[in-house]
N, C-alpha and C. Protein backbone atom coordinates (compact mmCIF):
# COMPACT_ATOMS: atom_id res chain seq x y z
N UNK A 1 9.46 23.14 3.99
CA UNK A 1 8.48 22.06 3.90
C UNK A 1 8.97 20.91 4.77
N UNK A 2 8.03 20.27 5.45
CA UNK A 2 8.34 19.14 6.32
C UNK A 2 7.70 17.88 5.77
N UNK A 3 8.41 16.76 5.87
CA UNK A 3 7.83 15.46 5.55
C UNK A 3 6.99 15.06 6.74
N UNK A 4 5.69 14.86 6.53
CA UNK A 4 4.87 14.51 7.68
C UNK A 4 4.32 13.11 7.62
N UNK A 5 4.38 12.44 6.47
CA UNK A 5 3.88 11.06 6.40
C UNK A 5 4.37 10.40 5.13
N UNK A 6 4.39 9.08 5.17
CA UNK A 6 4.72 8.26 4.01
C UNK A 6 3.71 7.13 3.96
N UNK A 7 3.12 6.93 2.80
CA UNK A 7 2.18 5.84 2.61
C UNK A 7 2.86 4.80 1.74
N UNK A 8 3.36 3.77 2.37
CA UNK A 8 4.07 2.70 1.66
C UNK A 8 3.10 1.64 1.17
N UNK A 9 3.59 0.82 0.26
CA UNK A 9 2.81 -0.34 -0.15
C UNK A 9 2.97 -1.43 0.90
N UNK A 10 1.91 -2.15 1.12
CA UNK A 10 1.88 -3.34 1.97
C UNK A 10 1.30 -4.48 1.14
N UNK A 11 1.48 -5.68 1.62
CA UNK A 11 0.88 -6.85 0.99
C UNK A 11 -0.29 -7.29 1.86
N UNK A 12 -1.45 -7.39 1.26
CA UNK A 12 -2.65 -7.85 1.94
C UNK A 12 -2.91 -9.28 1.49
N UNK A 13 -3.14 -10.19 2.46
CA UNK A 13 -3.38 -11.58 2.09
C UNK A 13 -4.31 -12.22 3.12
N UNK A 14 -4.76 -13.41 2.80
CA UNK A 14 -5.52 -14.19 3.77
C UNK A 14 -4.54 -14.81 4.76
N UNK A 15 -4.96 -14.96 5.99
CA UNK A 15 -4.05 -15.44 7.04
C UNK A 15 -3.53 -16.85 6.77
N UNK A 16 -4.33 -17.68 6.11
CA UNK A 16 -3.87 -19.06 5.87
C UNK A 16 -2.66 -19.14 4.93
N UNK A 17 -2.35 -18.07 4.22
CA UNK A 17 -1.13 -18.07 3.39
C UNK A 17 0.13 -17.96 4.24
N UNK A 18 -0.03 -17.52 5.48
CA UNK A 18 1.11 -17.36 6.40
C UNK A 18 2.24 -16.57 5.76
N UNK A 19 1.87 -15.50 5.14
CA UNK A 19 2.82 -14.64 4.44
C UNK A 19 3.68 -13.88 5.44
N UNK A 20 4.97 -13.76 5.15
CA UNK A 20 5.88 -12.96 5.97
C UNK A 20 6.62 -11.98 5.07
N UNK A 21 7.17 -10.94 5.66
CA UNK A 21 7.96 -9.97 4.89
C UNK A 21 9.14 -10.66 4.23
N UNK A 22 9.78 -11.56 4.97
CA UNK A 22 10.99 -12.22 4.46
C UNK A 22 10.68 -13.11 3.25
N UNK A 23 9.49 -13.68 3.20
CA UNK A 23 9.13 -14.60 2.12
C UNK A 23 8.27 -13.93 1.04
N UNK A 24 8.02 -12.63 1.17
CA UNK A 24 7.09 -11.96 0.26
C UNK A 24 7.48 -12.11 -1.21
N UNK A 25 8.73 -11.83 -1.55
CA UNK A 25 9.14 -11.91 -2.95
C UNK A 25 8.97 -13.32 -3.50
N UNK A 26 9.40 -14.32 -2.75
CA UNK A 26 9.27 -15.70 -3.23
C UNK A 26 7.81 -16.08 -3.42
N UNK A 27 6.95 -15.67 -2.49
CA UNK A 27 5.53 -15.99 -2.61
C UNK A 27 4.91 -15.27 -3.80
N UNK A 28 5.30 -14.01 -4.04
CA UNK A 28 4.76 -13.30 -5.20
C UNK A 28 5.20 -13.95 -6.50
N UNK A 29 6.40 -14.51 -6.51
CA UNK A 29 6.92 -15.16 -7.72
C UNK A 29 6.34 -16.55 -7.93
N UNK A 30 5.76 -17.14 -6.91
CA UNK A 30 5.18 -18.48 -7.00
C UNK A 30 4.08 -18.49 -8.07
N UNK A 31 4.19 -19.36 -9.08
CA UNK A 31 3.18 -19.39 -10.15
C UNK A 31 1.77 -19.68 -9.66
N UNK A 32 1.64 -20.32 -8.51
CA UNK A 32 0.31 -20.67 -7.99
C UNK A 32 -0.37 -19.50 -7.28
N UNK A 33 0.38 -18.44 -6.99
CA UNK A 33 -0.15 -17.28 -6.26
C UNK A 33 -0.72 -16.27 -7.25
N UNK A 34 -1.97 -15.84 -6.98
CA UNK A 34 -2.59 -14.77 -7.77
C UNK A 34 -2.22 -13.44 -7.12
N UNK A 35 -1.50 -12.61 -7.89
CA UNK A 35 -0.98 -11.35 -7.38
C UNK A 35 -1.80 -10.19 -7.92
N UNK A 36 -2.47 -9.49 -7.03
CA UNK A 36 -3.32 -8.36 -7.43
C UNK A 36 -2.61 -7.03 -7.25
N UNK A 37 -2.87 -6.13 -8.19
CA UNK A 37 -2.37 -4.75 -8.10
C UNK A 37 -3.45 -3.82 -8.66
N UNK A 38 -3.25 -2.55 -8.43
CA UNK A 38 -4.04 -1.55 -9.15
C UNK A 38 -3.43 -1.39 -10.53
N UNK A 39 -4.11 -0.65 -11.39
CA UNK A 39 -3.69 -0.50 -12.78
C UNK A 39 -2.67 0.62 -12.92
N UNK A 40 -1.44 0.30 -13.35
CA UNK A 40 -0.44 1.36 -13.56
C UNK A 40 -0.93 2.39 -14.58
N UNK A 41 -0.49 3.60 -14.43
CA UNK A 41 -0.82 4.74 -15.29
C UNK A 41 -2.26 5.22 -15.09
N UNK A 42 -3.09 4.43 -14.43
CA UNK A 42 -4.45 4.84 -14.12
C UNK A 42 -4.62 5.09 -12.62
N UNK A 43 -3.77 4.46 -11.82
CA UNK A 43 -3.85 4.55 -10.36
C UNK A 43 -2.42 4.53 -9.82
N UNK A 44 -2.03 5.54 -9.06
CA UNK A 44 -0.65 5.58 -8.55
C UNK A 44 -0.25 4.33 -7.78
N UNK A 45 -1.18 3.68 -7.09
CA UNK A 45 -0.85 2.46 -6.37
C UNK A 45 -0.32 1.39 -7.33
N UNK A 46 -0.88 1.33 -8.53
CA UNK A 46 -0.39 0.40 -9.54
C UNK A 46 1.00 0.77 -10.02
N UNK A 47 1.25 2.08 -10.17
CA UNK A 47 2.59 2.53 -10.54
C UNK A 47 3.61 2.11 -9.49
N UNK A 48 3.24 2.26 -8.21
CA UNK A 48 4.16 1.87 -7.14
C UNK A 48 4.39 0.36 -7.13
N UNK A 49 3.35 -0.42 -7.39
CA UNK A 49 3.52 -1.88 -7.44
C UNK A 49 4.53 -2.25 -8.53
N UNK A 50 4.42 -1.62 -9.68
CA UNK A 50 5.35 -1.94 -10.77
C UNK A 50 6.75 -1.40 -10.48
N UNK A 51 6.84 -0.33 -9.71
CA UNK A 51 8.15 0.15 -9.25
C UNK A 51 8.77 -0.88 -8.30
N UNK A 52 7.94 -1.48 -7.45
CA UNK A 52 8.40 -2.56 -6.57
C UNK A 52 8.93 -3.72 -7.40
N UNK A 53 8.23 -4.07 -8.48
CA UNK A 53 8.69 -5.16 -9.35
C UNK A 53 10.08 -4.86 -9.92
N UNK A 54 10.32 -3.60 -10.28
CA UNK A 54 11.64 -3.22 -10.81
C UNK A 54 12.71 -3.41 -9.74
N UNK A 55 12.39 -3.05 -8.50
CA UNK A 55 13.34 -3.25 -7.41
C UNK A 55 13.61 -4.74 -7.17
N UNK A 56 12.60 -5.56 -7.38
CA UNK A 56 12.74 -7.00 -7.17
C UNK A 56 13.78 -7.60 -8.11
N UNK A 57 13.91 -7.01 -9.28
CA UNK A 57 14.88 -7.52 -10.26
C UNK A 57 16.31 -7.43 -9.72
N UNK A 58 16.59 -6.45 -8.88
CA UNK A 58 17.93 -6.32 -8.30
C UNK A 58 18.20 -7.43 -7.28
N UNK A 59 17.13 -8.00 -6.72
CA UNK A 59 17.28 -9.08 -5.74
C UNK A 59 17.25 -10.45 -6.39
N UNK A 60 16.53 -10.53 -7.48
CA UNK A 60 16.41 -11.82 -8.19
C UNK A 60 16.25 -11.54 -9.67
N UNK A 61 17.24 -11.91 -10.45
CA UNK A 61 17.22 -11.66 -11.89
C UNK A 61 15.96 -12.24 -12.52
N UNK A 62 15.29 -11.44 -13.33
CA UNK A 62 14.09 -11.89 -14.03
C UNK A 62 12.80 -11.68 -13.25
N UNK A 63 12.92 -11.24 -11.99
CA UNK A 63 11.72 -11.08 -11.16
C UNK A 63 10.78 -10.03 -11.74
N UNK A 64 11.33 -8.95 -12.26
CA UNK A 64 10.47 -7.88 -12.78
C UNK A 64 9.56 -8.40 -13.89
N UNK A 65 10.12 -9.07 -14.86
CA UNK A 65 9.32 -9.56 -15.98
C UNK A 65 8.28 -10.57 -15.50
N UNK A 66 8.68 -11.44 -14.59
CA UNK A 66 7.74 -12.44 -14.07
C UNK A 66 6.58 -11.77 -13.35
N UNK A 67 6.89 -10.83 -12.47
CA UNK A 67 5.85 -10.16 -11.68
C UNK A 67 4.95 -9.30 -12.55
N UNK A 68 5.54 -8.57 -13.50
CA UNK A 68 4.72 -7.74 -14.39
C UNK A 68 3.77 -8.61 -15.22
N UNK A 69 4.25 -9.76 -15.67
CA UNK A 69 3.43 -10.64 -16.50
C UNK A 69 2.28 -11.27 -15.70
N UNK A 70 2.52 -11.56 -14.44
CA UNK A 70 1.49 -12.25 -13.66
C UNK A 70 0.57 -11.32 -12.89
N UNK A 71 0.93 -10.03 -12.77
CA UNK A 71 0.13 -9.09 -12.00
C UNK A 71 -1.28 -8.97 -12.57
N UNK A 72 -2.26 -9.18 -11.72
CA UNK A 72 -3.66 -9.01 -12.10
C UNK A 72 -4.05 -7.58 -11.74
N UNK A 73 -4.24 -6.77 -12.75
CA UNK A 73 -4.56 -5.35 -12.53
C UNK A 73 -6.07 -5.24 -12.29
N UNK A 74 -6.45 -5.34 -11.01
CA UNK A 74 -7.84 -5.53 -10.65
C UNK A 74 -8.59 -4.26 -10.26
N UNK A 75 -7.88 -3.17 -10.00
CA UNK A 75 -8.54 -1.94 -9.58
C UNK A 75 -7.94 -0.73 -10.29
N UNK A 76 -8.70 0.33 -10.31
CA UNK A 76 -8.18 1.62 -10.77
C UNK A 76 -8.22 1.87 -12.26
N UNK A 77 -8.41 0.86 -13.07
CA UNK A 77 -8.38 1.03 -14.52
C UNK A 77 -9.77 1.22 -15.11
N UNK A 78 -9.80 1.66 -16.34
CA UNK A 78 -11.08 1.89 -17.03
C UNK A 78 -11.90 0.60 -17.15
N UNK A 79 -11.22 -0.54 -17.25
CA UNK A 79 -11.93 -1.81 -17.39
C UNK A 79 -12.13 -2.55 -16.07
N UNK A 80 -11.69 -1.93 -14.96
CA UNK A 80 -11.86 -2.57 -13.65
C UNK A 80 -13.33 -2.58 -13.27
N UNK A 81 -13.77 -3.66 -12.64
CA UNK A 81 -15.16 -3.67 -12.17
C UNK A 81 -15.33 -2.61 -11.09
N UNK A 82 -16.53 -2.08 -10.95
CA UNK A 82 -16.74 -1.07 -9.91
C UNK A 82 -16.53 -1.69 -8.53
N UNK A 83 -15.98 -0.92 -7.60
CA UNK A 83 -15.79 -1.47 -6.26
C UNK A 83 -17.13 -1.73 -5.58
N UNK A 84 -17.18 -2.70 -4.70
CA UNK A 84 -18.45 -2.95 -4.00
C UNK A 84 -18.81 -1.74 -3.14
N UNK A 85 -20.11 -1.49 -3.04
CA UNK A 85 -20.56 -0.33 -2.27
C UNK A 85 -20.38 -0.52 -0.77
N UNK A 86 -20.48 -1.75 -0.32
CA UNK A 86 -20.53 -2.02 1.11
C UNK A 86 -19.27 -2.66 1.66
N UNK A 87 -18.20 -2.76 0.85
CA UNK A 87 -16.97 -3.42 1.30
C UNK A 87 -15.76 -2.68 0.78
N UNK A 88 -14.66 -2.86 1.48
CA UNK A 88 -13.37 -2.37 1.00
C UNK A 88 -12.99 -3.21 -0.21
N UNK A 89 -12.67 -2.58 -1.31
CA UNK A 89 -12.42 -3.31 -2.56
C UNK A 89 -11.26 -4.30 -2.42
N UNK A 90 -10.20 -3.94 -1.70
CA UNK A 90 -9.03 -4.80 -1.58
C UNK A 90 -9.36 -6.02 -0.72
N UNK A 91 -10.06 -5.79 0.37
CA UNK A 91 -10.49 -6.90 1.21
C UNK A 91 -11.44 -7.83 0.47
N UNK A 92 -12.34 -7.24 -0.34
CA UNK A 92 -13.28 -8.06 -1.11
C UNK A 92 -12.54 -8.92 -2.13
N UNK A 93 -11.54 -8.36 -2.79
CA UNK A 93 -10.80 -9.12 -3.80
C UNK A 93 -9.99 -10.25 -3.19
N UNK A 94 -9.35 -9.99 -2.05
CA UNK A 94 -8.59 -11.05 -1.38
C UNK A 94 -9.54 -12.05 -0.75
N UNK A 95 -10.61 -11.57 -0.14
CA UNK A 95 -11.58 -12.45 0.50
C UNK A 95 -12.27 -13.39 -0.47
N UNK A 96 -12.49 -12.91 -1.69
CA UNK A 96 -13.15 -13.74 -2.70
C UNK A 96 -12.15 -14.54 -3.53
N UNK A 97 -10.88 -14.47 -3.18
CA UNK A 97 -9.78 -15.20 -3.80
C UNK A 97 -9.56 -14.81 -5.27
N UNK A 98 -9.95 -13.59 -5.63
CA UNK A 98 -9.56 -13.09 -6.96
C UNK A 98 -8.07 -12.74 -6.95
N UNK A 99 -7.54 -12.51 -5.73
CA UNK A 99 -6.11 -12.30 -5.53
C UNK A 99 -5.73 -12.98 -4.22
N UNK A 100 -4.60 -13.67 -4.22
CA UNK A 100 -4.07 -14.26 -2.98
C UNK A 100 -3.31 -13.22 -2.19
N UNK A 101 -2.59 -12.38 -2.92
CA UNK A 101 -1.82 -11.27 -2.36
C UNK A 101 -2.20 -10.04 -3.16
N UNK A 102 -2.49 -8.94 -2.48
CA UNK A 102 -2.78 -7.69 -3.17
C UNK A 102 -1.81 -6.64 -2.65
N UNK A 103 -1.06 -6.03 -3.56
CA UNK A 103 -0.16 -4.94 -3.19
C UNK A 103 -0.97 -3.64 -3.24
N UNK A 104 -1.08 -2.98 -2.10
CA UNK A 104 -1.84 -1.75 -2.01
C UNK A 104 -1.22 -0.87 -0.93
N UNK A 105 -1.66 0.37 -0.86
CA UNK A 105 -1.19 1.24 0.20
C UNK A 105 -1.51 0.62 1.56
N UNK A 106 -0.62 0.81 2.52
CA UNK A 106 -0.86 0.29 3.87
C UNK A 106 -2.15 0.86 4.45
N UNK A 107 -2.49 2.09 4.09
CA UNK A 107 -3.74 2.69 4.58
C UNK A 107 -4.94 1.90 4.08
N UNK A 108 -4.93 1.47 2.81
CA UNK A 108 -6.01 0.64 2.27
C UNK A 108 -6.05 -0.72 2.95
N UNK A 109 -4.88 -1.29 3.19
CA UNK A 109 -4.81 -2.61 3.84
C UNK A 109 -5.38 -2.54 5.25
N UNK A 110 -5.09 -1.45 5.97
CA UNK A 110 -5.65 -1.28 7.33
C UNK A 110 -7.17 -1.25 7.29
N UNK A 111 -7.73 -0.53 6.32
CA UNK A 111 -9.19 -0.45 6.19
C UNK A 111 -9.77 -1.83 5.89
N UNK A 112 -9.11 -2.58 5.01
CA UNK A 112 -9.59 -3.93 4.67
C UNK A 112 -9.54 -4.84 5.88
N UNK A 113 -8.46 -4.77 6.64
CA UNK A 113 -8.32 -5.63 7.82
C UNK A 113 -9.31 -5.24 8.92
N UNK A 114 -9.63 -3.96 9.03
CA UNK A 114 -10.62 -3.53 10.02
C UNK A 114 -11.98 -4.13 9.69
N UNK A 115 -12.24 -4.28 8.41
CA UNK A 115 -13.51 -4.87 7.96
C UNK A 115 -13.49 -6.40 8.07
N UNK A 116 -12.33 -7.00 7.83
CA UNK A 116 -12.20 -8.46 7.87
C UNK A 116 -10.91 -8.81 8.60
N UNK A 117 -11.00 -9.05 9.92
CA UNK A 117 -9.80 -9.32 10.72
C UNK A 117 -9.04 -10.60 10.33
N UNK A 118 -9.61 -11.44 9.47
CA UNK A 118 -8.88 -12.64 9.04
C UNK A 118 -7.82 -12.31 7.99
N UNK A 119 -7.81 -11.09 7.49
CA UNK A 119 -6.80 -10.68 6.51
C UNK A 119 -5.51 -10.31 7.24
N UNK A 120 -4.40 -10.57 6.58
CA UNK A 120 -3.08 -10.27 7.13
C UNK A 120 -2.44 -9.14 6.33
N UNK A 121 -1.81 -8.24 7.05
CA UNK A 121 -1.03 -7.16 6.42
C UNK A 121 0.43 -7.48 6.64
N UNK A 122 1.20 -7.50 5.55
CA UNK A 122 2.62 -7.79 5.63
C UNK A 122 3.38 -6.59 5.10
N UNK A 123 4.33 -6.13 5.89
CA UNK A 123 5.17 -5.01 5.47
C UNK A 123 6.08 -5.45 4.33
N UNK A 124 6.21 -4.60 3.35
CA UNK A 124 7.14 -4.86 2.25
C UNK A 124 8.55 -4.62 2.79
N UNK A 125 9.48 -5.54 2.57
CA UNK A 125 10.84 -5.34 3.07
C UNK A 125 11.46 -4.06 2.49
N UNK A 126 12.37 -3.47 3.25
CA UNK A 126 12.98 -2.21 2.84
C UNK A 126 13.59 -2.26 1.45
N UNK A 127 14.17 -3.39 1.07
CA UNK A 127 14.80 -3.51 -0.25
C UNK A 127 13.79 -3.37 -1.39
N UNK A 128 12.51 -3.59 -1.10
CA UNK A 128 11.46 -3.49 -2.12
C UNK A 128 10.53 -2.31 -1.88
N UNK A 129 10.69 -1.61 -0.79
CA UNK A 129 9.73 -0.59 -0.36
C UNK A 129 9.61 0.56 -1.35
N UNK A 130 8.37 0.92 -1.61
CA UNK A 130 8.03 2.08 -2.43
C UNK A 130 6.79 2.72 -1.83
N UNK A 131 6.56 3.95 -2.19
CA UNK A 131 5.37 4.62 -1.70
C UNK A 131 5.45 6.11 -1.90
N UNK A 132 4.45 6.78 -1.40
CA UNK A 132 4.32 8.23 -1.58
C UNK A 132 4.73 8.96 -0.31
N UNK A 133 5.56 9.99 -0.47
CA UNK A 133 5.90 10.88 0.63
C UNK A 133 4.98 12.08 0.57
N UNK A 134 4.49 12.49 1.72
CA UNK A 134 3.61 13.65 1.79
C UNK A 134 4.31 14.75 2.56
N UNK A 135 4.40 15.91 1.94
CA UNK A 135 5.03 17.06 2.57
C UNK A 135 3.99 18.06 3.01
N UNK A 136 4.41 18.97 3.82
CA UNK A 136 3.52 19.98 4.36
C UNK A 136 4.24 21.32 4.36
N UNK A 137 3.59 22.32 3.79
CA UNK A 137 4.13 23.67 3.79
C UNK A 137 3.01 24.62 4.19
N UNK A 138 3.38 25.65 4.90
CA UNK A 138 2.42 26.69 5.30
C UNK A 138 2.91 28.00 4.70
N UNK A 139 2.03 28.66 3.99
CA UNK A 139 2.38 29.94 3.37
C UNK A 139 2.60 31.01 4.43
N UNK A 140 3.45 31.97 4.12
CA UNK A 140 3.79 33.03 5.08
C UNK A 140 2.55 33.79 5.54
N UNK A 141 1.58 33.99 4.67
CA UNK A 141 0.39 34.76 5.04
C UNK A 141 -0.82 33.85 5.29
N UNK A 142 -0.57 32.62 5.73
CA UNK A 142 -1.64 31.64 5.93
C UNK A 142 -2.55 32.06 7.08
N UNK A 143 -3.78 31.64 6.97
CA UNK A 143 -4.76 31.82 8.04
C UNK A 143 -4.25 31.12 9.30
N UNK A 144 -4.44 31.70 10.47
CA UNK A 144 -3.98 31.06 11.70
C UNK A 144 -4.55 29.64 11.90
N UNK A 145 -5.76 29.38 11.40
CA UNK A 145 -6.33 28.03 11.51
C UNK A 145 -5.50 27.03 10.71
N UNK A 146 -4.98 27.46 9.57
CA UNK A 146 -4.14 26.57 8.76
C UNK A 146 -2.84 26.26 9.49
N UNK A 147 -2.28 27.25 10.16
CA UNK A 147 -1.05 27.04 10.93
C UNK A 147 -1.31 26.07 12.07
N UNK A 148 -2.43 26.24 12.79
CA UNK A 148 -2.77 25.33 13.89
C UNK A 148 -2.97 23.91 13.36
N UNK A 149 -3.61 23.78 12.20
CA UNK A 149 -3.82 22.45 11.61
C UNK A 149 -2.48 21.81 11.26
N UNK A 150 -1.59 22.56 10.65
CA UNK A 150 -0.27 22.04 10.29
C UNK A 150 0.50 21.60 11.54
N UNK A 151 0.42 22.41 12.59
CA UNK A 151 1.11 22.07 13.82
C UNK A 151 0.52 20.81 14.46
N UNK A 152 -0.80 20.64 14.34
CA UNK A 152 -1.42 19.42 14.85
C UNK A 152 -0.90 18.20 14.09
N UNK A 153 -0.86 18.27 12.76
CA UNK A 153 -0.37 17.15 11.96
C UNK A 153 1.05 16.76 12.37
N UNK A 154 1.87 17.76 12.65
CA UNK A 154 3.26 17.50 13.01
C UNK A 154 3.45 17.12 14.47
N UNK A 155 2.42 17.30 15.28
CA UNK A 155 2.52 16.97 16.70
C UNK A 155 2.57 15.46 16.90
N UNK A 156 2.98 15.05 18.10
CA UNK A 156 3.02 13.61 18.42
C UNK A 156 1.63 12.99 18.28
N UNK A 157 0.58 13.70 18.72
CA UNK A 157 -0.78 13.17 18.62
C UNK A 157 -1.18 13.02 17.14
N UNK A 158 -0.91 14.02 16.33
CA UNK A 158 -1.23 13.95 14.90
C UNK A 158 -0.47 12.85 14.20
N UNK A 159 0.79 12.68 14.55
CA UNK A 159 1.60 11.62 13.95
C UNK A 159 1.11 10.24 14.38
N UNK A 160 0.70 10.10 15.65
CA UNK A 160 0.13 8.82 16.11
C UNK A 160 -1.17 8.51 15.36
N UNK A 161 -1.96 9.54 15.11
CA UNK A 161 -3.21 9.34 14.38
C UNK A 161 -2.93 8.87 12.95
N UNK A 162 -1.94 9.46 12.31
CA UNK A 162 -1.56 9.02 10.96
C UNK A 162 -1.07 7.57 11.00
N UNK A 163 -0.23 7.24 11.97
CA UNK A 163 0.29 5.87 12.09
C UNK A 163 -0.84 4.87 12.32
N UNK A 164 -1.83 5.25 13.11
CA UNK A 164 -2.97 4.37 13.37
C UNK A 164 -3.70 4.01 12.08
N UNK A 165 -3.66 4.90 11.12
CA UNK A 165 -4.37 4.67 9.86
C UNK A 165 -3.46 4.13 8.75
N UNK A 166 -2.26 3.69 9.10
CA UNK A 166 -1.40 3.00 8.15
C UNK A 166 -0.29 3.80 7.53
N UNK A 167 -0.18 5.07 7.88
CA UNK A 167 0.93 5.88 7.36
C UNK A 167 2.18 5.63 8.20
N UNK A 168 3.35 5.73 7.58
CA UNK A 168 4.58 5.83 8.34
C UNK A 168 4.67 7.29 8.75
N UNK A 169 4.85 7.53 10.00
CA UNK A 169 4.88 8.90 10.53
C UNK A 169 6.29 9.18 11.05
N UNK A 170 7.13 9.82 10.23
CA UNK A 170 8.54 9.97 10.58
C UNK A 170 8.81 10.86 11.79
N UNK A 171 7.86 11.67 12.20
CA UNK A 171 8.08 12.57 13.33
C UNK A 171 7.78 11.92 14.68
N UNK A 172 7.30 10.66 14.66
CA UNK A 172 7.04 9.99 15.94
C UNK A 172 8.34 9.73 16.66
N UNK A 173 8.33 9.96 18.00
CA UNK A 173 9.56 9.70 18.77
C UNK A 173 9.85 8.21 18.84
């Protein structure tokens, strides 16, 4: 099996916040900042956000409890409002100031920014980074089309396409 992509969490915010990777933890801890996440246990993105909060505790004592208490679980849960039909839900939430910062997959953040270029995507620093790794395996008796598809995903062109859509593509040169 080969690792072909990683979808990490990114921070989506309005550009006027002037958010940076280096200041992300401090800004998330700021009591005046509304921090949006998906709902843990209902949406993996929410689970990853709360995993990030646990990592934050190693950098700043008490950060986990503070972040968990202030996190606005705005998507993915049974009680979450339905996403808008005509907009990216994360962009809509940040754009309407229901969240100042929203922790979501980088792929979701890219879609939101494509819809609203005034939004900023900030990479989560390595010390806080969490996300999903995607592997690829081809069965010994796989259809030749499946083998060609797998080889495309692993190719430089396939990896560039994944990176364009917000995935970390480890096979890129």
